[in-house]
């Protein structure tokens, strides 16, 4: 886990990447986050994906054992 806070939240980076690419696998998404945020653990990725899925912004579905598909389904709204 990186000890320095990024000025851009990881959830925002995920949504921006998903808007550009459409649907991607979780491993491709983690590679992209590693290039932007340094070493990102699978636990951190899961936490951010769960937050975004509960907010109705994206959907995570299982492709094969150990591989998941991440799809953007809605735009984030600001309250």
N, C-alpha and C. Protein backbone atom coordinates (compact mmCIF):
# COMPACT_ATOMS: atom_id res chain seq x y z
N UNK A 1 0.85 -1.18 0.00
CA UNK A 1 0.00 0.00 0.00
C UNK A 1 0.88 1.23 0.00
N UNK A 2 0.54 2.18 -0.83
CA UNK A 2 1.32 3.39 -0.96
C UNK A 2 1.02 4.33 0.20
N UNK A 3 2.06 4.87 0.82
CA UNK A 3 1.90 5.74 1.99
C UNK A 3 1.60 7.19 1.60
N UNK A 4 1.83 7.56 0.35
CA UNK A 4 1.57 8.93 -0.10
C UNK A 4 0.22 8.97 -0.79
N UNK A 5 -0.61 9.90 -0.37
CA UNK A 5 -1.94 10.02 -0.97
C UNK A 5 -1.83 10.63 -2.35
N UNK A 6 -2.63 10.12 -3.23
CA UNK A 6 -2.68 10.65 -4.58
C UNK A 6 -3.72 11.78 -4.62
N UNK A 7 -3.49 12.82 -5.42
CA UNK A 7 -4.49 13.88 -5.51
C UNK A 7 -5.76 13.42 -6.23
N UNK A 8 -5.68 12.29 -6.92
CA UNK A 8 -6.84 11.75 -7.64
C UNK A 8 -7.23 10.43 -6.99
N UNK A 9 -8.48 10.31 -6.53
CA UNK A 9 -8.91 9.06 -5.90
C UNK A 9 -8.86 7.88 -6.87
N UNK A 10 -8.60 6.70 -6.32
CA UNK A 10 -8.50 5.50 -7.14
C UNK A 10 -9.82 5.19 -7.84
N UNK A 11 -10.94 5.45 -7.15
CA UNK A 11 -12.24 5.17 -7.76
C UNK A 11 -12.46 6.04 -9.00
N UNK A 12 -12.02 7.28 -8.96
CA UNK A 12 -12.13 8.16 -10.12
C UNK A 12 -11.26 7.66 -11.27
N UNK A 13 -10.07 7.20 -10.95
CA UNK A 13 -9.18 6.65 -11.98
C UNK A 13 -9.79 5.42 -12.63
N UNK A 14 -10.46 4.59 -11.83
CA UNK A 14 -11.11 3.39 -12.37
C UNK A 14 -12.22 3.79 -13.33
N UNK A 15 -13.07 4.74 -12.93
CA UNK A 15 -14.18 5.17 -13.78
C UNK A 15 -13.66 5.80 -15.07
N UNK A 16 -12.63 6.63 -14.99
CA UNK A 16 -12.07 7.25 -16.19
C UNK A 16 -11.50 6.21 -17.14
N UNK A 17 -10.80 5.21 -16.59
CA UNK A 17 -10.24 4.14 -17.42
C UNK A 17 -11.35 3.33 -18.07
N UNK A 18 -12.42 3.06 -17.32
CA UNK A 18 -13.54 2.28 -17.85
C UNK A 18 -14.27 3.06 -18.94
N UNK A 19 -14.36 4.39 -18.80
CA UNK A 19 -15.01 5.20 -19.85
C UNK A 19 -14.22 5.12 -21.15
N UNK A 20 -12.89 5.04 -21.06
CA UNK A 20 -12.06 4.94 -22.27
C UNK A 20 -12.11 3.55 -22.88
N UNK A 21 -12.02 2.52 -22.06
CA UNK A 21 -11.86 1.15 -22.56
C UNK A 21 -13.15 0.35 -22.66
N UNK A 22 -14.18 0.74 -21.94
CA UNK A 22 -15.40 -0.07 -21.93
C UNK A 22 -15.29 -1.16 -20.89
N UNK A 23 -15.40 -2.41 -21.29
CA UNK A 23 -15.29 -3.51 -20.33
C UNK A 23 -13.89 -4.11 -20.40
N UNK A 24 -13.32 -4.40 -19.23
CA UNK A 24 -11.98 -4.96 -19.13
C UNK A 24 -11.97 -6.05 -18.06
N UNK A 25 -10.91 -6.84 -18.05
CA UNK A 25 -10.76 -7.84 -16.99
C UNK A 25 -10.14 -7.17 -15.77
N UNK A 26 -10.31 -7.81 -14.62
CA UNK A 26 -9.77 -7.25 -13.39
C UNK A 26 -8.24 -7.19 -13.41
N UNK A 27 -7.59 -8.13 -14.09
CA UNK A 27 -6.12 -8.11 -14.15
C UNK A 27 -5.62 -6.94 -15.00
N UNK A 28 -6.31 -6.64 -16.10
CA UNK A 28 -5.93 -5.48 -16.92
C UNK A 28 -6.14 -4.18 -16.15
N UNK A 29 -7.22 -4.12 -15.40
CA UNK A 29 -7.49 -2.94 -14.59
C UNK A 29 -6.43 -2.77 -13.51
N UNK A 30 -6.02 -3.85 -12.89
CA UNK A 30 -4.99 -3.77 -11.86
C UNK A 30 -3.65 -3.33 -12.45
N UNK A 31 -3.32 -3.78 -13.65
CA UNK A 31 -2.09 -3.34 -14.32
C UNK A 31 -2.12 -1.83 -14.56
N UNK A 32 -3.27 -1.33 -14.99
CA UNK A 32 -3.42 0.11 -15.23
C UNK A 32 -3.27 0.89 -13.93
N UNK A 33 -3.88 0.41 -12.86
CA UNK A 33 -3.77 1.09 -11.57
C UNK A 33 -2.35 1.04 -11.04
N UNK A 34 -1.65 -0.07 -11.27
CA UNK A 34 -0.25 -0.17 -10.84
C UNK A 34 0.61 0.86 -11.55
N UNK A 35 0.32 1.15 -12.81
CA UNK A 35 1.10 2.15 -13.54
C UNK A 35 0.82 3.56 -13.04
N UNK A 36 -0.39 3.80 -12.52
CA UNK A 36 -0.75 5.14 -12.04
C UNK A 36 -0.50 5.35 -10.55
N UNK A 37 -0.71 4.32 -9.74
CA UNK A 37 -0.66 4.47 -8.29
C UNK A 37 0.47 3.69 -7.64
N UNK A 38 1.35 3.09 -8.40
CA UNK A 38 2.37 2.23 -7.80
C UNK A 38 1.77 0.86 -7.54
N UNK A 39 2.37 0.11 -6.65
CA UNK A 39 1.91 -1.25 -6.37
C UNK A 39 0.53 -1.22 -5.70
N UNK A 40 -0.48 -1.68 -6.40
CA UNK A 40 -1.85 -1.74 -5.89
C UNK A 40 -2.19 -3.20 -5.60
N UNK A 41 -2.59 -3.47 -4.37
CA UNK A 41 -2.89 -4.85 -4.00
C UNK A 41 -4.26 -5.27 -4.53
N UNK A 42 -4.45 -6.58 -4.61
CA UNK A 42 -5.73 -7.12 -5.05
C UNK A 42 -6.83 -6.74 -4.06
N UNK A 43 -6.49 -6.64 -2.79
CA UNK A 43 -7.45 -6.23 -1.76
C UNK A 43 -7.92 -4.80 -1.99
N UNK A 44 -7.00 -3.89 -2.31
CA UNK A 44 -7.38 -2.50 -2.59
C UNK A 44 -8.28 -2.41 -3.82
N UNK A 45 -7.94 -3.17 -4.85
CA UNK A 45 -8.76 -3.19 -6.06
C UNK A 45 -10.16 -3.70 -5.75
N UNK A 46 -10.26 -4.78 -5.01
CA UNK A 46 -11.57 -5.32 -4.65
C UNK A 46 -12.40 -4.33 -3.84
N UNK A 47 -11.76 -3.62 -2.92
CA UNK A 47 -12.48 -2.63 -2.10
C UNK A 47 -13.06 -1.52 -2.97
N UNK A 48 -12.26 -1.00 -3.90
CA UNK A 48 -12.73 0.07 -4.78
C UNK A 48 -13.81 -0.43 -5.73
N UNK A 49 -13.65 -1.64 -6.26
CA UNK A 49 -14.67 -2.20 -7.16
C UNK A 49 -15.99 -2.41 -6.41
N UNK A 50 -15.91 -2.85 -5.16
CA UNK A 50 -17.13 -3.07 -4.37
C UNK A 50 -17.85 -1.74 -4.12
N UNK A 51 -17.10 -0.69 -3.79
CA UNK A 51 -17.71 0.63 -3.58
C UNK A 51 -18.44 1.09 -4.84
N UNK A 52 -17.78 0.96 -5.99
CA UNK A 52 -18.37 1.41 -7.24
C UNK A 52 -19.55 0.54 -7.67
N UNK A 53 -19.48 -0.74 -7.36
CA UNK A 53 -20.59 -1.63 -7.70
C UNK A 53 -21.81 -1.33 -6.83
N UNK A 54 -21.59 -1.06 -5.55
CA UNK A 54 -22.71 -0.72 -4.66
C UNK A 54 -23.33 0.63 -5.01
N UNK A 55 -22.53 1.52 -5.58
CA UNK A 55 -23.04 2.82 -6.01
C UNK A 55 -23.77 2.74 -7.34
N UNK A 56 -23.74 1.58 -8.00
CA UNK A 56 -24.43 1.41 -9.27
C UNK A 56 -23.67 1.96 -10.46
N UNK A 57 -22.36 2.12 -10.32
CA UNK A 57 -21.56 2.69 -11.39
C UNK A 57 -21.00 1.62 -12.31
N UNK A 58 -20.62 0.49 -11.75
CA UNK A 58 -20.11 -0.60 -12.57
C UNK A 58 -20.59 -1.95 -12.08
N UNK A 59 -20.35 -2.96 -12.91
CA UNK A 59 -20.77 -4.33 -12.58
C UNK A 59 -19.56 -5.24 -12.77
N UNK A 60 -19.38 -6.16 -11.82
CA UNK A 60 -18.30 -7.14 -11.89
C UNK A 60 -18.93 -8.51 -12.02
N UNK A 61 -18.55 -9.24 -13.07
CA UNK A 61 -19.08 -10.59 -13.27
C UNK A 61 -17.91 -11.55 -13.50
N UNK A 62 -18.15 -12.80 -13.21
CA UNK A 62 -17.11 -13.82 -13.30
C UNK A 62 -17.02 -14.36 -14.72
N UNK A 63 -15.82 -14.36 -15.28
CA UNK A 63 -15.59 -14.94 -16.60
C UNK A 63 -15.20 -16.41 -16.46
N UNK A 64 -14.08 -16.64 -15.82
CA UNK A 64 -13.60 -17.99 -15.54
C UNK A 64 -13.09 -18.01 -14.11
N UNK A 65 -12.62 -19.15 -13.68
CA UNK A 65 -12.08 -19.23 -12.33
C UNK A 65 -10.85 -18.32 -12.22
N UNK A 66 -10.93 -17.34 -11.35
CA UNK A 66 -9.82 -16.42 -11.15
C UNK A 66 -9.80 -15.22 -12.08
N UNK A 67 -10.80 -15.06 -12.93
CA UNK A 67 -10.83 -13.93 -13.86
C UNK A 67 -12.23 -13.32 -13.86
N UNK A 68 -12.28 -11.98 -13.72
CA UNK A 68 -13.56 -11.28 -13.67
C UNK A 68 -13.62 -10.20 -14.74
N UNK A 69 -14.83 -9.92 -15.19
CA UNK A 69 -15.09 -8.88 -16.17
C UNK A 69 -15.68 -7.67 -15.45
N UNK A 70 -15.12 -6.50 -15.70
CA UNK A 70 -15.60 -5.26 -15.09
C UNK A 70 -16.21 -4.42 -16.19
N UNK A 71 -17.49 -4.02 -16.01
CA UNK A 71 -18.21 -3.24 -17.01
C UNK A 71 -18.77 -1.97 -16.38
N UNK A 72 -18.71 -0.88 -17.10
CA UNK A 72 -19.29 0.38 -16.67
C UNK A 72 -20.77 0.37 -17.03
N UNK A 73 -21.65 0.62 -16.04
CA UNK A 73 -23.09 0.58 -16.33
C UNK A 73 -23.79 1.91 -16.09
N UNK A 74 -23.17 2.81 -15.37
CA UNK A 74 -23.82 4.08 -15.10
C UNK A 74 -22.81 5.17 -14.84
N UNK A 75 -23.26 6.40 -14.93
CA UNK A 75 -22.41 7.54 -14.66
C UNK A 75 -22.51 7.89 -13.18
N UNK A 76 -21.41 8.30 -12.56
CA UNK A 76 -21.47 8.72 -11.16
C UNK A 76 -22.27 10.02 -11.03
N UNK A 77 -23.03 10.12 -9.97
CA UNK A 77 -23.80 11.33 -9.71
C UNK A 77 -23.28 12.00 -8.46
N UNK A 78 -23.31 13.31 -8.45
CA UNK A 78 -22.86 14.08 -7.29
C UNK A 78 -24.09 14.58 -6.57
N UNK A 79 -24.17 14.28 -5.29
CA UNK A 79 -25.33 14.71 -4.48
C UNK A 79 -25.17 16.11 -4.00
